[in-house]
N, C-alpha and C. Protein backbone atom coordinates (compact mmCIF):
# COMPACT_ATOMS: atom_id res chain seq x y z
N MET A 1 3.14 16.51 14.33
CA MET A 1 3.24 17.10 13.18
C MET A 1 2.91 15.95 12.43
N THR A 2 1.64 15.16 11.56
CA THR A 2 2.12 13.41 10.51
C THR A 2 3.21 13.45 10.01
N GLU A 3 3.55 12.64 9.79
CA GLU A 3 5.27 12.13 9.05
C GLU A 3 4.70 10.55 8.59
N ALA A 4 4.76 10.57 7.03
CA ALA A 4 5.00 9.45 6.53
C ALA A 4 6.33 9.14 5.89
N GLY A 5 6.53 7.64 5.63
CA GLY A 5 8.60 7.69 4.24
C GLY A 5 7.62 6.85 3.61
N PHE A 6 7.90 6.92 2.29
CA PHE A 6 8.40 6.35 1.39
C PHE A 6 9.59 6.07 1.15
N GLU A 7 9.98 4.96 0.41
CA GLU A 7 10.89 4.06 -0.47
C GLU A 7 10.64 2.86 -1.76
N ARG A 8 10.96 3.43 -2.53
CA ARG A 8 10.41 2.48 -3.52
C ARG A 8 11.89 2.04 -4.29
N GLY A 9 11.01 0.54 -4.45
CA GLY A 9 12.81 -0.74 -4.88
C GLY A 9 12.54 -1.74 -5.39
N LYS A 10 12.59 -2.57 -5.17
CA LYS A 10 12.58 -4.10 -5.58
C LYS A 10 12.44 -4.95 -4.59
N ARG A 11 11.35 -6.10 -4.96
CA ARG A 11 11.43 -7.53 -4.10
C ARG A 11 11.49 -8.74 -4.85
N ALA A 12 12.40 -9.48 -5.03
CA ALA A 12 12.34 -10.69 -5.79
C ALA A 12 12.17 -10.05 -7.08
N GLY A 13 12.66 -8.84 -7.56
CA GLY A 13 12.13 -8.29 -8.96
C GLY A 13 11.37 -7.68 -9.39
N GLU A 14 10.32 -7.68 -8.13
CA GLU A 14 9.06 -6.85 -8.18
C GLU A 14 9.49 -5.10 -7.65
N ALA A 15 8.66 -4.90 -8.25
CA ALA A 15 7.96 -3.24 -8.01
C ALA A 15 7.81 -3.10 -6.53
N LEU A 16 8.23 -2.53 -5.24
CA LEU A 16 8.03 -2.48 -4.16
C LEU A 16 7.86 -0.67 -3.20
N LEU A 17 6.48 -0.53 -3.28
CA LEU A 17 6.80 0.89 -2.19
C LEU A 17 6.70 0.33 -0.80
N VAL A 18 7.49 0.77 0.12
CA VAL A 18 7.41 0.59 1.73
C VAL A 18 7.16 1.76 1.86
N VAL A 19 6.23 1.47 3.15
CA VAL A 19 5.19 2.91 3.44
C VAL A 19 5.19 2.24 5.12
N SER A 20 6.19 4.25 5.89
CA SER A 20 6.09 4.19 7.58
C SER A 20 5.54 5.12 7.90
N GLY A 21 5.25 4.98 8.87
CA GLY A 21 4.40 6.24 9.99
C GLY A 21 3.50 6.31 9.54
N GLU A 22 2.37 7.50 9.47
CA GLU A 22 1.48 7.57 9.55
C GLU A 22 0.27 8.71 8.13
N ILE A 23 -0.27 7.79 7.31
CA ILE A 23 -1.26 7.98 6.01
C ILE A 23 -2.68 8.66 6.46
N ASP A 24 -2.93 9.66 6.63
CA ASP A 24 -3.69 10.35 6.98
C ASP A 24 -3.97 12.08 6.25
N ILE A 25 -5.25 12.73 6.28
CA ILE A 25 -5.47 13.25 5.57
C ILE A 25 -4.34 13.90 5.27
N ALA A 26 -3.14 14.93 5.93
CA ALA A 26 -1.72 14.98 5.77
C ALA A 26 -1.19 14.14 5.03
N THR A 27 -1.03 13.21 4.74
CA THR A 27 -0.25 12.63 3.62
C THR A 27 -0.52 11.61 3.04
N ALA A 28 -1.87 11.97 3.08
CA ALA A 28 -2.72 10.67 2.16
C ALA A 28 -2.38 11.34 0.42
N GLY A 29 -2.22 12.48 0.28
CA GLY A 29 -2.09 12.86 -1.23
C GLY A 29 -0.28 12.56 -1.48
N ALA A 30 0.89 11.92 -0.71
CA ALA A 30 1.70 11.70 -1.17
C ALA A 30 2.02 10.26 -1.16
N PHE A 31 0.87 9.30 -0.69
CA PHE A 31 1.10 8.31 -0.68
C PHE A 31 0.37 8.23 -1.80
N ARG A 32 -1.05 8.74 -2.57
CA ARG A 32 -1.57 8.26 -3.39
C ARG A 32 -0.27 9.00 -4.83
N ASP A 33 0.56 10.08 -4.87
CA ASP A 33 1.37 10.17 -5.56
C ASP A 33 2.02 9.07 -6.08
N GLN A 34 3.00 8.17 -4.17
CA GLN A 34 3.91 7.12 -4.63
C GLN A 34 3.22 6.11 -4.96
N LEU A 35 1.88 5.98 -4.91
CA LEU A 35 1.11 4.25 -4.64
C LEU A 35 1.01 4.88 -7.02
N LYS A 36 0.83 5.66 -7.40
CA LYS A 36 1.16 5.98 -9.01
C LYS A 36 2.18 5.96 -9.55
N LYS A 37 3.42 6.63 -9.14
CA LYS A 37 5.01 5.77 -9.49
C LYS A 37 4.62 4.24 -9.52
N LEU A 38 4.81 3.37 -8.06
CA LEU A 38 4.86 2.25 -8.45
C LEU A 38 3.75 1.84 -9.04
N ILE A 39 2.83 2.08 -9.32
CA ILE A 39 1.90 1.05 -10.96
C ILE A 39 2.30 1.38 -12.06
N ALA A 40 2.78 2.56 -12.01
CA ALA A 40 3.19 2.86 -14.19
C ALA A 40 4.78 3.01 -14.38
N GLU A 41 5.33 1.90 -13.06
CA GLU A 41 6.42 1.35 -13.54
C GLU A 41 6.42 -0.33 -13.14
N ALA A 42 5.40 -0.73 -12.32
CA ALA A 42 5.49 -2.28 -11.78
C ALA A 42 4.89 -3.07 -12.86
N ASN A 43 5.19 -4.37 -13.64
CA ASN A 43 4.39 -5.17 -14.54
C ASN A 43 3.63 -5.60 -13.83
N SER A 44 3.67 -6.28 -12.71
CA SER A 44 2.66 -7.07 -12.02
C SER A 44 2.98 -8.25 -11.29
N PRO A 45 3.02 -7.93 -9.72
CA PRO A 45 2.10 -7.15 -9.02
C PRO A 45 2.37 -6.63 -8.47
N ALA A 46 1.91 -5.56 -8.25
CA ALA A 46 2.69 -4.49 -7.47
C ALA A 46 2.89 -4.31 -5.60
N LEU A 47 4.37 -4.33 -5.25
CA LEU A 47 4.27 -4.82 -4.06
C LEU A 47 3.97 -3.70 -2.95
N VAL A 48 3.01 -3.28 -1.98
CA VAL A 48 3.30 -2.21 -0.87
C VAL A 48 3.38 -2.81 0.47
N ASP A 49 4.03 -2.63 1.16
CA ASP A 49 4.45 -3.07 2.18
C ASP A 49 4.47 -1.83 3.09
N LEU A 50 3.18 -2.82 4.13
CA LEU A 50 2.43 -1.18 5.10
C LEU A 50 2.96 -2.05 6.60
N SER A 51 4.38 -3.00 6.84
CA SER A 51 4.24 -3.08 8.08
C SER A 51 5.30 -2.30 9.01
N GLY A 52 5.70 -1.00 7.95
CA GLY A 52 6.32 0.09 9.08
C GLY A 52 4.74 1.57 9.63
N VAL A 53 3.79 0.78 8.64
CA VAL A 53 2.35 2.29 9.10
C VAL A 53 2.07 1.80 10.58
N THR A 54 1.65 3.22 11.10
CA THR A 54 1.19 3.15 12.73
C THR A 54 -0.13 3.99 12.74
N PHE A 55 -0.58 4.55 11.62
CA PHE A 55 -2.15 4.32 11.43
C PHE A 55 -2.13 5.09 10.28
N MET A 56 -3.50 4.48 9.69
CA MET A 56 -4.19 4.97 8.32
C MET A 56 -5.66 4.68 8.76
N ASP A 57 -5.92 5.92 8.73
CA ASP A 57 -7.44 6.41 7.94
C ASP A 57 -8.24 6.24 6.75
N SER A 58 -9.30 7.11 6.88
CA SER A 58 -10.06 7.14 5.59
C SER A 58 -9.79 7.72 4.67
N SER A 59 -8.79 8.30 4.76
CA SER A 59 -7.73 9.61 3.51
C SER A 59 -7.20 7.86 3.19
N GLY A 60 -6.05 7.20 3.95
CA GLY A 60 -5.42 6.41 2.96
C GLY A 60 -6.01 4.97 2.95
N LEU A 61 -7.16 5.10 2.98
CA LEU A 61 -8.05 3.50 2.06
C LEU A 61 -8.31 3.79 1.28
N GLU A 62 -8.91 5.49 0.92
CA GLU A 62 -8.91 5.74 -0.45
C GLU A 62 -8.27 6.13 -0.94
N ALA A 63 -6.82 5.76 -0.91
CA ALA A 63 -5.60 5.97 -2.07
C ALA A 63 -5.60 4.13 -2.32
N LEU A 64 -5.99 3.79 -1.52
CA LEU A 64 -5.69 2.23 -1.86
C LEU A 64 -5.79 1.80 -2.67
N ALA A 65 -7.72 2.37 -2.42
CA ALA A 65 -9.25 1.47 -3.01
C ALA A 65 -8.95 2.25 -5.26
N ASP A 66 -8.50 3.65 -4.79
CA ASP A 66 -7.44 4.61 -6.05
C ASP A 66 -6.93 3.63 -6.45
N ALA A 67 -5.55 3.12 -6.00
CA ALA A 67 -4.77 2.62 -6.49
C ALA A 67 -5.14 1.25 -7.31
N ARG A 68 -5.39 0.37 -6.58
CA ARG A 68 -6.23 -0.23 -6.97
C ARG A 68 -7.07 -0.60 -8.16
N ARG A 69 -8.35 0.12 -8.82
CA ARG A 69 -8.21 0.69 -9.75
C ARG A 69 -7.87 0.56 -10.82
N ARG A 70 -6.54 2.27 -10.57
CA ARG A 70 -5.76 2.63 -11.80
C ARG A 70 -5.01 1.51 -12.36
N ALA A 71 -4.68 0.74 -11.09
CA ALA A 71 -3.69 -0.33 -11.20
C ALA A 71 -4.33 -1.70 -11.87
N ALA A 72 -5.88 -1.93 -12.30
CA ALA A 72 -6.64 -2.65 -12.52
C ALA A 72 -6.82 -2.40 -14.57
N GLU A 73 -7.54 -1.56 -14.13
CA GLU A 73 -6.84 -0.46 -15.41
C GLU A 73 -5.40 -0.37 -16.15
N ASP A 74 -4.56 -0.83 -16.47
CA ASP A 74 -3.06 -1.08 -16.91
C ASP A 74 -2.66 -2.65 -16.66
N GLY A 75 -3.66 -3.41 -16.12
CA GLY A 75 -3.39 -4.89 -16.06
C GLY A 75 -2.30 -5.13 -14.85
N VAL A 76 -2.64 -4.81 -13.94
CA VAL A 76 -1.81 -4.69 -12.28
C VAL A 76 -2.67 -4.65 -11.32
N GLU A 77 -2.42 -5.88 -10.21
CA GLU A 77 -2.50 -6.04 -8.93
C GLU A 77 -1.37 -5.25 -8.10
N VAL A 78 -2.43 -4.56 -6.84
CA VAL A 78 -1.75 -4.55 -6.23
C VAL A 78 -2.05 -5.27 -4.87
N VAL A 79 -0.55 -5.49 -4.16
CA VAL A 79 0.00 -6.82 -3.27
C VAL A 79 -0.28 -6.17 -1.90
N LEU A 80 -0.53 -5.59 -0.98
CA LEU A 80 -0.27 -5.74 0.22
C LEU A 80 0.56 -6.72 1.00
N VAL A 81 1.76 -5.83 1.25
CA VAL A 81 2.91 -7.14 1.86
C VAL A 81 2.75 -6.79 3.88
N GLU A 82 2.57 -7.62 4.40
CA GLU A 82 2.24 -7.44 5.47
C GLU A 82 2.09 -6.47 6.18
N PRO A 83 0.97 -6.04 6.45
CA PRO A 83 -0.22 -4.99 6.86
C PRO A 83 0.14 -4.66 8.17
N SER A 84 0.49 -3.49 8.84
CA SER A 84 0.65 -3.78 10.47
C SER A 84 -0.77 -4.08 10.81
N SER A 85 -0.79 -4.12 12.28
CA SER A 85 -2.39 -4.56 12.88
C SER A 85 -2.64 -3.41 12.71
N PRO A 86 -2.55 -2.04 13.11
CA PRO A 86 -3.58 -1.03 12.46
C PRO A 86 -4.15 -0.70 10.89
N VAL A 87 -2.85 -0.95 10.72
CA VAL A 87 -3.62 -1.43 8.72
C VAL A 87 -4.73 -2.53 8.74
N ARG A 88 -4.37 -2.77 9.29
CA ARG A 88 -5.04 -4.62 8.79
C ARG A 88 -6.45 -4.37 9.71
N MET A 89 -6.53 -3.73 11.46
CA MET A 89 -7.75 -3.26 11.69
C MET A 89 -8.64 -2.86 10.86
N VAL A 90 -8.24 -1.53 10.19
CA VAL A 90 -8.57 -0.02 9.12
C VAL A 90 -9.29 -1.53 7.94
N LEU A 91 -8.41 -1.91 7.82
CA LEU A 91 -8.72 -3.43 6.97
C LEU A 91 -10.40 -3.72 6.91
N GLU A 92 -9.67 -4.29 7.50
CA GLU A 92 -10.92 -5.48 7.69
C GLU A 92 -12.52 -4.46 8.81
N VAL A 93 -12.37 -3.70 9.09
CA VAL A 93 -13.32 -2.76 9.50
C VAL A 93 -13.98 -1.80 8.68
N SER A 94 -13.56 -1.71 6.84
CA SER A 94 -13.94 -0.94 6.33
C SER A 94 -14.67 -2.32 5.09
N GLY A 95 -13.98 -3.41 5.47
CA GLY A 95 -14.49 -4.04 4.78
C GLY A 95 -14.25 -4.23 2.92
N MET A 96 -12.93 -4.11 3.52
CA MET A 96 -11.57 -3.44 1.92
C MET A 96 -11.15 -4.75 1.47
N GLY A 97 -10.17 -5.56 3.34
CA GLY A 97 -9.42 -6.23 3.39
C GLY A 97 -9.97 -7.74 2.42
N THR A 98 -10.75 -7.70 1.55
CA THR A 98 -11.23 -8.93 0.65
C THR A 98 -10.85 -8.03 -0.61
N LEU A 99 -10.68 -7.43 -1.07
CA LEU A 99 -10.25 -6.16 -2.13
C LEU A 99 -8.96 -6.65 -2.03
N PHE A 100 -8.24 -6.47 -1.61
CA PHE A 100 -6.47 -7.18 -1.50
C PHE A 100 -5.47 -8.02 -1.75
N GLN A 101 -4.92 -8.54 -2.10
CA GLN A 101 -4.40 -10.10 -2.01
C GLN A 101 -3.01 -9.09 -0.86
N VAL A 102 -3.24 -10.28 0.27
CA VAL A 102 -2.36 -10.10 1.39
C VAL A 102 -1.17 -11.09 1.02
N HIS A 103 0.22 -10.48 1.17
CA HIS A 103 1.59 -11.67 1.54
C HIS A 103 2.15 -11.05 2.67
N PRO A 104 3.08 -12.51 3.15
CA PRO A 104 3.71 -11.68 4.46
C PRO A 104 5.11 -11.78 4.25
N GLY A 105 5.94 -10.81 4.51
CA GLY A 105 6.94 -10.25 4.35
C GLY A 105 8.11 -11.18 4.48
N CYS A 106 9.07 -10.45 3.65
CA CYS A 106 10.03 -11.46 3.70
C CYS A 106 10.39 -12.83 4.57
N SER A 107 10.79 -12.25 5.80
CA SER A 107 11.35 -13.13 6.64
C SER A 107 9.55 -14.14 7.35
N SER A 108 8.71 -14.17 6.98
CA SER A 108 8.03 -14.92 7.05
C SER A 108 7.96 -16.72 6.23
N GLY A 109 7.79 -16.88 5.87
CA GLY A 109 7.19 -18.60 5.12
C GLY A 109 8.49 -18.55 4.19
């Protein structure tokens, strides 16, 4: 069974969504809902920590792309924080990596 975890909070005063586990067809709906809530409460940027994501397929990418479009309409930038290796690979292969600003995690830099 596919599982994903979502935890919302703040990092340096900015809205944050920490995602863990697998983002695929079974969990993409919940991921999309969490992204909508994040964008609604964020001023800008809306931080999405993907360091704990072990797998992401095209449905996860679609949720991110939809969130980016929705956020842009609200004047909010979606920033990916420390994407895991599987997420980086999917972003690069899909060509979507250039659409998002990516930040290192808190422990870096």
